[in-house]
């Protein structure tokens, strides 16, 4: 049985950067500054709004309803070359 990927914890690092830890042992820093397109993500371009991020249902989310799938976040770690096992 395959385990569902979840963000298990995160730390806000300033700007649009987050340190993420996943339930599969992967962890790393992701910079989402180039990922904030579309109406729901546009307010998050303001670092003060981005900083309101929280852990919700196994992923990260913001009070305006924006969220990002754990699989997408894990792919961003790999693409940015910072994925590692914690």
PDB file of N, CA and C in Angstrom:
ATOM      1  N   UNK A   1       0.834  -1.181   0.000  1.00  0.00           N
ATOM      2  CA  UNK A   1       0.000   0.000   0.000  1.00  0.00           C
ATOM      3  C   UNK A   1       0.886   1.255   0.000  1.00  0.00           C
ATOM      4  N   UNK A   2       0.609   2.152  -0.906  1.00  0.00           N
ATOM      5  CA  UNK A   2       1.396   3.373  -1.039  1.00  0.00           C
ATOM      6  C   UNK A   2       0.952   4.404   0.000  1.00  0.00           C
ATOM      7  N   UNK A   3       1.931   5.034   0.643  1.00  0.00           N
ATOM      8  CA  UNK A   3       1.650   6.073   1.624  1.00  0.00           C
ATOM      9  C   UNK A   3       1.305   7.367   0.909  1.00  0.00           C
ATOM     10  N   UNK A   4       0.293   8.053   1.382  1.00  0.00           N
ATOM     11  CA  UNK A   4      -0.081   9.346   0.834  1.00  0.00           C
ATOM     12  C   UNK A   4       0.933  10.378   1.309  1.00  0.00           C
ATOM     13  N   UNK A   5       1.484  11.132   0.369  1.00  0.00           N
ATOM     14  CA  UNK A   5       2.475  12.146   0.696  1.00  0.00           C
ATOM     15  C   UNK A   5       1.815  13.308   1.425  1.00  0.00           C
ATOM     16  N   UNK A   6       2.449  13.723   2.526  1.00  0.00           N
ATOM     17  CA  UNK A   6       1.950  14.841   3.321  1.00  0.00           C
ATOM     18  C   UNK A   6       3.121  15.701   3.777  1.00  0.00           C
ATOM     19  N   UNK A   7       2.854  16.992   3.920  1.00  0.00           N
ATOM     20  CA  UNK A   7       3.811  17.876   4.573  1.00  0.00           C
ATOM     21  C   UNK A   7       3.620  17.652   6.065  1.00  0.00           C
ATOM     22  N   UNK A   8       4.660  17.238   6.763  1.00  0.00           N
ATOM     23  CA  UNK A   8       4.531  16.963   8.194  1.00  0.00           C
ATOM     24  C   UNK A   8       4.889  18.174   9.044  1.00  0.00           C
ATOM     25  N   UNK A   9       5.752  19.050   8.515  1.00  0.00           N
ATOM     26  CA  UNK A   9       6.064  20.291   9.230  1.00  0.00           C
ATOM     27  C   UNK A   9       6.712  21.270   8.255  1.00  0.00           C
ATOM     28  N   UNK A  10       6.720  22.518   8.644  1.00  0.00           N
ATOM     29  CA  UNK A  10       7.349  23.539   7.821  1.00  0.00           C
ATOM     30  C   UNK A  10       7.862  24.652   8.718  1.00  0.00           C
ATOM     31  N   UNK A  11       8.745  25.449   8.144  1.00  0.00           N
ATOM     32  CA  UNK A  11       9.245  26.643   8.839  1.00  0.00           C
ATOM     33  C   UNK A  11       9.325  27.760   7.803  1.00  0.00           C
ATOM     34  N   UNK A  12       8.747  28.904   8.123  1.00  0.00           N
ATOM     35  CA  UNK A  12       8.810  30.069   7.233  1.00  0.00           C
ATOM     36  C   UNK A  12      10.193  30.688   7.361  1.00  0.00           C
ATOM     37  N   UNK A  13      10.845  30.921   6.222  1.00  0.00           N
ATOM     38  CA  UNK A  13      12.213  31.421   6.225  1.00  0.00           C
ATOM     39  C   UNK A  13      12.334  32.871   5.767  1.00  0.00           C
ATOM     40  N   UNK A  14      11.226  33.495   5.461  1.00  0.00           N
ATOM     41  CA  UNK A  14      11.252  34.866   4.973  1.00  0.00           C
ATOM     42  C   UNK A  14      11.016  34.909   3.475  1.00  0.00           C
ATOM     43  N   UNK A  15      10.571  36.054   3.002  1.00  0.00           N
ATOM     44  CA  UNK A  15      10.263  36.192   1.579  1.00  0.00           C
ATOM     45  C   UNK A  15       9.217  35.187   1.165  1.00  0.00           C
ATOM     46  N   UNK A  16       9.555  34.346   0.214  1.00  0.00           N
ATOM     47  CA  UNK A  16       8.649  33.297  -0.265  1.00  0.00           C
ATOM     48  C   UNK A  16       9.293  31.921  -0.119  1.00  0.00           C
ATOM     49  N   UNK A  17      10.136  31.794   0.893  1.00  0.00           N
ATOM     50  CA  UNK A  17      10.864  30.544   1.117  1.00  0.00           C
ATOM     51  C   UNK A  17      10.339  29.810   2.343  1.00  0.00           C
ATOM     52  N   UNK A  18      10.234  28.495   2.188  1.00  0.00           N
ATOM     53  CA  UNK A  18       9.794  27.617   3.273  1.00  0.00           C
ATOM     54  C   UNK A  18      10.730  26.423   3.363  1.00  0.00           C
ATOM     55  N   UNK A  19      11.009  26.015   4.582  1.00  0.00           N
ATOM     56  CA  UNK A  19      11.672  24.734   4.815  1.00  0.00           C
ATOM     57  C   UNK A  19      10.551  23.738   5.058  1.00  0.00           C
ATOM     58  N   UNK A  20      10.499  22.672   4.248  1.00  0.00           N
ATOM     59  CA  UNK A  20       9.427  21.679   4.340  1.00  0.00           C
ATOM     60  C   UNK A  20       9.983  20.322   4.725  1.00  0.00           C
ATOM     61  N   UNK A  21       9.230  19.611   5.548  1.00  0.00           N
ATOM     62  CA  UNK A  21       9.523  18.215   5.854  1.00  0.00           C
ATOM     63  C   UNK A  21       8.295  17.405   5.486  1.00  0.00           C
ATOM     64  N   UNK A  22       8.540  16.280   4.823  1.00  0.00           N
ATOM     65  CA  UNK A  22       7.465  15.407   4.366  1.00  0.00           C
ATOM     66  C   UNK A  22       7.463  14.109   5.155  1.00  0.00           C
ATOM     67  N   UNK A  23       6.326  13.423   5.154  1.00  0.00           N
ATOM     68  CA  UNK A  23       6.196  12.179   5.900  1.00  0.00           C
ATOM     69  C   UNK A  23       6.990  11.022   5.302  1.00  0.00           C
ATOM     70  N   UNK A  24       7.590  11.213   4.124  1.00  0.00           N
ATOM     71  CA  UNK A  24       8.425  10.174   3.521  1.00  0.00           C
ATOM     72  C   UNK A  24       9.912  10.388   3.804  1.00  0.00           C
ATOM     73  N   UNK A  25      10.231  11.386   4.649  1.00  0.00           N
ATOM     74  CA  UNK A  25      11.607  11.644   5.022  1.00  0.00           C
ATOM     75  C   UNK A  25      12.299  12.718   4.205  1.00  0.00           C
ATOM     76  N   UNK A  26      11.708  13.135   3.093  1.00  0.00           N
ATOM     77  CA  UNK A  26      12.306  14.211   2.316  1.00  0.00           C
ATOM     78  C   UNK A  26      12.135  15.532   3.048  1.00  0.00           C
ATOM     79  N   UNK A  27      13.091  16.419   2.844  1.00  0.00           N
ATOM     80  CA  UNK A  27      13.038  17.740   3.458  1.00  0.00           C
ATOM     81  C   UNK A  27      13.908  18.680   2.652  1.00  0.00           C
ATOM     82  N   UNK A  28      13.606  19.951   2.726  1.00  0.00           N
ATOM     83  CA  UNK A  28      14.430  20.939   2.052  1.00  0.00           C
ATOM     84  C   UNK A  28      13.738  22.278   1.964  1.00  0.00           C
ATOM     85  N   UNK A  29      14.435  23.209   1.353  1.00  0.00           N
ATOM     86  CA  UNK A  29      13.934  24.569   1.202  1.00  0.00           C
ATOM     87  C   UNK A  29      13.349  24.718  -0.192  1.00  0.00           C
ATOM     88  N   UNK A  30      12.190  25.340  -0.258  1.00  0.00           N
ATOM     89  CA  UNK A  30      11.572  25.646  -1.534  1.00  0.00           C
ATOM     90  C   UNK A  30      11.298  27.146  -1.585  1.00  0.00           C
ATOM     91  N   UNK A  31      11.615  27.742  -2.721  1.00  0.00           N
ATOM     92  CA  UNK A  31      11.329  29.157  -2.969  1.00  0.00           C
ATOM     93  C   UNK A  31      10.152  29.208  -3.921  1.00  0.00           C
ATOM     94  N   UNK A  32       9.026  29.722  -3.454  1.00  0.00           N
ATOM     95  CA  UNK A  32       7.808  29.740  -4.252  1.00  0.00           C
ATOM     96  C   UNK A  32       7.568  31.075  -4.941  1.00  0.00           C
ATOM     97  N   UNK A  33       8.546  31.960  -4.940  1.00  0.00           N
ATOM     98  CA  UNK A  33       8.352  33.301  -5.503  1.00  0.00           C
ATOM     99  C   UNK A  33       7.948  33.273  -6.976  1.00  0.00           C
ATOM    100  N   UNK A  34       8.387  32.300  -7.732  1.00  0.00           N
ATOM    101  CA  UNK A  34       8.028  32.232  -9.150  1.00  0.00           C
ATOM    102  C   UNK A  34       6.781  31.385  -9.394  1.00  0.00           C
ATOM    103  N   UNK A  35       6.149  30.908  -8.337  1.00  0.00           N
ATOM    104  CA  UNK A  35       4.992  30.012  -8.467  1.00  0.00           C
ATOM    105  C   UNK A  35       3.665  30.683  -8.137  1.00  0.00           C
ATOM    106  N   UNK A  36       3.676  31.961  -7.850  1.00  0.00           N
ATOM    107  CA  UNK A  36       2.483  32.631  -7.327  1.00  0.00           C
ATOM    108  C   UNK A  36       1.712  33.341  -8.434  1.00  0.00           C
ATOM    109  N   UNK A  37       1.179  32.552  -9.365  1.00  0.00           N
ATOM    110  CA  UNK A  37       0.399  33.066 -10.482  1.00  0.00           C
ATOM    111  C   UNK A  37      -1.077  32.772 -10.258  1.00  0.00           C
ATOM    112  N   UNK A  38      -1.913  33.562 -10.880  1.00  0.00           N
ATOM    113  CA  UNK A  38      -3.351  33.351 -10.797  1.00  0.00           C
ATOM    114  C   UNK A  38      -3.972  34.149  -9.677  1.00  0.00           C
ATOM    115  N   UNK A  39      -5.265  34.361  -9.759  1.00  0.00           N
ATOM    116  CA  UNK A  39      -5.964  35.237  -8.810  1.00  0.00           C
ATOM    117  C   UNK A  39      -5.825  34.841  -7.338  1.00  0.00           C
ATOM    118  N   UNK A  40      -5.873  33.558  -7.035  1.00  0.00           N
ATOM    119  CA  UNK A  40      -5.823  33.154  -5.621  1.00  0.00           C
ATOM    120  C   UNK A  40      -4.410  33.281  -5.042  1.00  0.00           C
ATOM    121  N   UNK A  41      -3.398  33.165  -5.893  1.00  0.00           N
ATOM    122  CA  UNK A  41      -2.016  33.239  -5.414  1.00  0.00           C
ATOM    123  C   UNK A  41      -1.428  34.649  -5.470  1.00  0.00           C
ATOM    124  N   UNK A  42      -2.023  35.529  -6.260  1.00  0.00           N
ATOM    125  CA  UNK A  42      -1.468  36.874  -6.409  1.00  0.00           C
ATOM    126  C   UNK A  42      -1.308  37.614  -5.082  1.00  0.00           C
ATOM    127  N   UNK A  43      -2.267  37.552  -4.141  1.00  0.00           N
ATOM    128  CA  UNK A  43      -2.061  38.236  -2.855  1.00  0.00           C
ATOM    129  C   UNK A  43      -0.835  37.728  -2.091  1.00  0.00           C
ATOM    130  N   UNK A  44      -0.440  36.467  -2.350  1.00  0.00           N
ATOM    131  CA  UNK A  44       0.693  35.873  -1.641  1.00  0.00           C
ATOM    132  C   UNK A  44       2.031  36.428  -2.108  1.00  0.00           C
ATOM    133  N   UNK A  45       2.028  37.216  -3.159  1.00  0.00           N
ATOM    134  CA  UNK A  45       3.262  37.868  -3.600  1.00  0.00           C
ATOM    135  C   UNK A  45       3.766  38.849  -2.551  1.00  0.00           C
ATOM    136  N   UNK A  46       2.855  39.343  -1.722  1.00  0.00           N
ATOM    137  CA  UNK A  46       3.235  40.203  -0.598  1.00  0.00           C
ATOM    138  C   UNK A  46       3.802  39.282   0.488  1.00  0.00           C
ATOM    139  N   UNK A  47       5.076  39.442   0.842  1.00  0.00           N
ATOM    140  CA  UNK A  47       5.681  38.552   1.839  1.00  0.00           C
ATOM    141  C   UNK A  47       4.938  38.520   3.171  1.00  0.00           C
ATOM    142  N   UNK A  48       4.308  39.617   3.561  1.00  0.00           N
ATOM    143  CA  UNK A  48       3.547  39.616   4.811  1.00  0.00           C
ATOM    144  C   UNK A  48       2.332  38.704   4.726  1.00  0.00           C
ATOM    145  N   UNK A  49       1.692  38.666   3.575  1.00  0.00           N
ATOM    146  CA  UNK A  49       0.552  37.759   3.363  1.00  0.00           C
ATOM    147  C   UNK A  49       1.057  36.327   3.243  1.00  0.00           C
ATOM    148  N   UNK A  50       2.146  36.130   2.507  1.00  0.00           N
ATOM    149  CA  UNK A  50       2.733  34.788   2.363  1.00  0.00           C
ATOM    150  C   UNK A  50       3.068  34.199   3.736  1.00  0.00           C
ATOM    151  N   UNK A  51       3.522  35.044   4.639  1.00  0.00           N
ATOM    152  CA  UNK A  51       3.939  34.603   5.980  1.00  0.00           C
ATOM    153  C   UNK A  51       2.786  34.066   6.820  1.00  0.00           C
ATOM    154  N   UNK A  52       1.548  34.242   6.379  1.00  0.00           N
ATOM    155  CA  UNK A  52       0.394  33.725   7.134  1.00  0.00           C
ATOM    156  C   UNK A  52       0.148  32.248   6.856  1.00  0.00           C
ATOM    157  N   UNK A  53       1.076  31.593   6.174  1.00  0.00           N
ATOM    158  CA  UNK A  53       0.974  30.178   5.824  1.00  0.00           C
ATOM    159  C   UNK A  53       0.801  29.314   7.071  1.00  0.00           C
ATOM    160  N   UNK A  54       0.061  28.218   6.909  1.00  0.00           N
ATOM    161  CA  UNK A  54      -0.132  27.274   8.013  1.00  0.00           C
ATOM    162  C   UNK A  54      -0.185  25.858   7.446  1.00  0.00           C
ATOM    163  N   UNK A  55      -0.097  24.903   8.330  1.00  0.00           N
ATOM    164  CA  UNK A  55      -0.223  23.495   7.962  1.00  0.00           C
ATOM    165  C   UNK A  55      -1.697  23.133   8.061  1.00  0.00           C
ATOM    166  N   UNK A  56      -2.232  22.554   6.981  1.00  0.00           N
ATOM    167  CA  UNK A  56      -3.665  22.251   6.940  1.00  0.00           C
ATOM    168  C   UNK A  56      -3.892  20.968   6.140  1.00  0.00           C
ATOM    169  N   UNK A  57      -4.303  19.928   6.816  1.00  0.00           N
ATOM    170  CA  UNK A  57      -4.647  18.689   6.135  1.00  0.00           C
ATOM    171  C   UNK A  57      -3.503  18.029   5.383  1.00  0.00           C
ATOM    172  N   UNK A  58      -2.289  18.185   5.861  1.00  0.00           N
ATOM    173  CA  UNK A  58      -1.149  17.536   5.231  1.00  0.00           C
ATOM    174  C   UNK A  58      -0.467  18.356   4.160  1.00  0.00           C
ATOM    175  N   UNK A  59      -0.849  19.606   4.044  1.00  0.00           N
ATOM    176  CA  UNK A  59      -0.168  20.494   3.113  1.00  0.00           C
ATOM    177  C   UNK A  59      -0.119  21.894   3.699  1.00  0.00           C
ATOM    178  N   UNK A  60       0.418  22.837   2.931  1.00  0.00           N
ATOM    179  CA  UNK A  60       0.454  24.222   3.390  1.00  0.00           C
ATOM    180  C   UNK A  60      -0.710  24.977   2.761  1.00  0.00           C
ATOM    181  N   UNK A  61      -1.238  25.941   3.511  1.00  0.00           N
ATOM    182  CA  UNK A  61      -2.392  26.698   3.043  1.00  0.00           C
ATOM    183  C   UNK A  61      -2.349  28.103   3.631  1.00  0.00           C
ATOM    184  N   UNK A  62      -3.138  28.979   3.046  1.00  0.00           N
ATOM    185  CA  UNK A  62      -3.233  30.366   3.496  1.00  0.00           C
ATOM    186  C   UNK A  62      -4.680  30.703   3.794  1.00  0.00           C
ATOM    187  N   UNK A  63      -4.913  31.733   4.609  1.00  0.00           N
ATOM    188  CA  UNK A  63      -6.276  32.106   4.998  1.00  0.00           C
ATOM    189  C   UNK A  63      -7.196  32.455   3.821  1.00  0.00           C
ATOM    190  N   UNK A  64      -6.647  32.864   2.682  1.00  0.00           N
ATOM    191  CA  UNK A  64      -7.495  33.212   1.537  1.00  0.00           C
ATOM    192  C   UNK A  64      -7.977  31.988   0.759  1.00  0.00           C
ATOM    193  N   UNK A  65      -7.622  30.783   1.207  1.00  0.00           N
ATOM    194  CA  UNK A  65      -8.064  29.555   0.546  1.00  0.00           C
ATOM    195  C   UNK A  65      -7.024  28.946  -0.390  1.00  0.00           C
ATOM    196  N   UNK A  66      -5.916  29.625  -0.611  1.00  0.00           N
ATOM    197  CA  UNK A  66      -4.860  29.078  -1.463  1.00  0.00           C
ATOM    198  C   UNK A  66      -4.158  27.933  -0.750  1.00  0.00           C
ATOM    199  N   UNK A  67      -3.805  26.914  -1.506  1.00  0.00           N
ATOM    200  CA  UNK A  67      -3.000  25.824  -0.967  1.00  0.00           C
ATOM    201  C   UNK A  67      -2.220  25.192  -2.112  1.00  0.00           C
ATOM    202  N   UNK A  68      -1.241  24.394  -1.768  1.00  0.00           N
ATOM    203  CA  UNK A  68      -0.421  23.704  -2.763  1.00  0.00           C
ATOM    204  C   UNK A  68      -0.324  22.236  -2.373  1.00  0.00           C
ATOM    205  N   UNK A  69      -0.522  21.374  -3.345  1.00  0.00           N
ATOM    206  CA  UNK A  69      -0.484  19.932  -3.091  1.00  0.00           C
ATOM    207  C   UNK A  69       0.909  19.502  -2.645  1.00  0.00           C
ATOM    208  N   UNK A  70       0.978  18.559  -1.706  1.00  0.00           N
ATOM    209  CA  UNK A  70       2.274  18.069  -1.251  1.00  0.00           C
ATOM    210  C   UNK A  70       3.132  17.515  -2.393  1.00  0.00           C
ATOM    211  N   UNK A  71       2.507  16.852  -3.356  1.00  0.00           N
ATOM    212  CA  UNK A  71       3.246  16.298  -4.487  1.00  0.00           C
ATOM    213  C   UNK A  71       3.908  17.418  -5.301  1.00  0.00           C
ATOM    214  N   UNK A  72       3.187  18.506  -5.492  1.00  0.00           N
ATOM    215  CA  UNK A  72       3.729  19.657  -6.217  1.00  0.00           C
ATOM    216  C   UNK A  72       4.920  20.247  -5.456  1.00  0.00           C
ATOM    217  N   UNK A  73       4.761  20.395  -4.163  1.00  0.00           N
ATOM    218  CA  UNK A  73       5.840  20.954  -3.350  1.00  0.00           C
ATOM    219  C   UNK A  73       7.074  20.056  -3.386  1.00  0.00           C
ATOM    220  N   UNK A  74       6.877  18.745  -3.316  1.00  0.00           N
ATOM    221  CA  UNK A  74       8.004  17.813  -3.381  1.00  0.00           C
ATOM    222  C   UNK A  74       8.703  17.902  -4.731  1.00  0.00           C
ATOM    223  N   UNK A  75       7.947  18.054  -5.803  1.00  0.00           N
ATOM    224  CA  UNK A  75       8.541  18.227  -7.129  1.00  0.00           C
ATOM    225  C   UNK A  75       9.374  19.502  -7.184  1.00  0.00           C
ATOM    226  N   UNK A  76       8.893  20.566  -6.573  1.00  0.00           N
ATOM    227  CA  UNK A  76       9.640  21.824  -6.560  1.00  0.00           C
ATOM    228  C   UNK A  76      10.960  21.648  -5.814  1.00  0.00           C
ATOM    229  N   UNK A  77      10.989  20.871  -4.753  1.00  0.00           N
ATOM    230  CA  UNK A  77      12.250  20.605  -4.061  1.00  0.00           C
ATOM    231  C   UNK A  77      13.236  19.938  -5.005  1.00  0.00           C
ATOM    232  N   UNK A  78      12.782  18.946  -5.735  1.00  0.00           N
ATOM    233  CA  UNK A  78      13.635  18.206  -6.655  1.00  0.00           C
ATOM    234  C   UNK A  78      14.106  19.120  -7.777  1.00  0.00           C
ATOM    235  N   UNK A  79      13.184  19.893  -8.376  1.00  0.00           N
ATOM    236  CA  UNK A  79      13.530  20.777  -9.483  1.00  0.00           C
ATOM    237  C   UNK A  79      14.549  21.826  -9.049  1.00  0.00           C
ATOM    238  N   UNK A  80      14.455  22.286  -7.816  1.00  0.00           N
ATOM    239  CA  UNK A  80      15.368  23.297  -7.336  1.00  0.00           C
ATOM    240  C   UNK A  80      16.652  22.682  -6.783  1.00  0.00           C
ATOM    241  N   UNK A  81      16.721  21.360  -6.815  1.00  0.00           N
ATOM    242  CA  UNK A  81      17.958  20.682  -6.429  1.00  0.00           C
ATOM    243  C   UNK A  81      18.265  20.705  -4.945  1.00  0.00           C
ATOM    244  N   UNK A  82      17.233  20.765  -4.099  1.00  0.00           N
ATOM    245  CA  UNK A  82      17.491  20.842  -2.675  1.00  0.00           C
ATOM    246  C   UNK A  82      16.849  19.702  -1.896  1.00  0.00           C
ATOM    247  N   UNK A  83      16.236  18.746  -2.575  1.00  0.00           N
ATOM    248  CA  UNK A  83      15.582  17.639  -1.874  1.00  0.00           C
ATOM    249  C   UNK A  83      16.639  16.743  -1.221  1.00  0.00           C
ATOM    250  N   UNK A  84      16.323  16.255  -0.047  1.00  0.00           N
ATOM    251  CA  UNK A  84      17.212  15.332   0.651  1.00  0.00           C
ATOM    252  C   UNK A  84      16.366  14.566   1.644  1.00  0.00           C
ATOM    253  N   UNK A  85      16.864  13.463   2.080  1.00  0.00           N
ATOM    254  CA  UNK A  85      16.189  12.729   3.148  1.00  0.00           C
ATOM    255  C   UNK A  85      16.613  13.327   4.472  1.00  0.00           C
ATOM    256  N   UNK A  86      15.634  13.569   5.311  1.00  0.00           N
ATOM    257  CA  UNK A  86      15.912  14.198   6.614  1.00  0.00           C
ATOM    258  C   UNK A  86      16.595  13.214   7.538  1.00  0.00           C
TER     259      UNK A  86
END
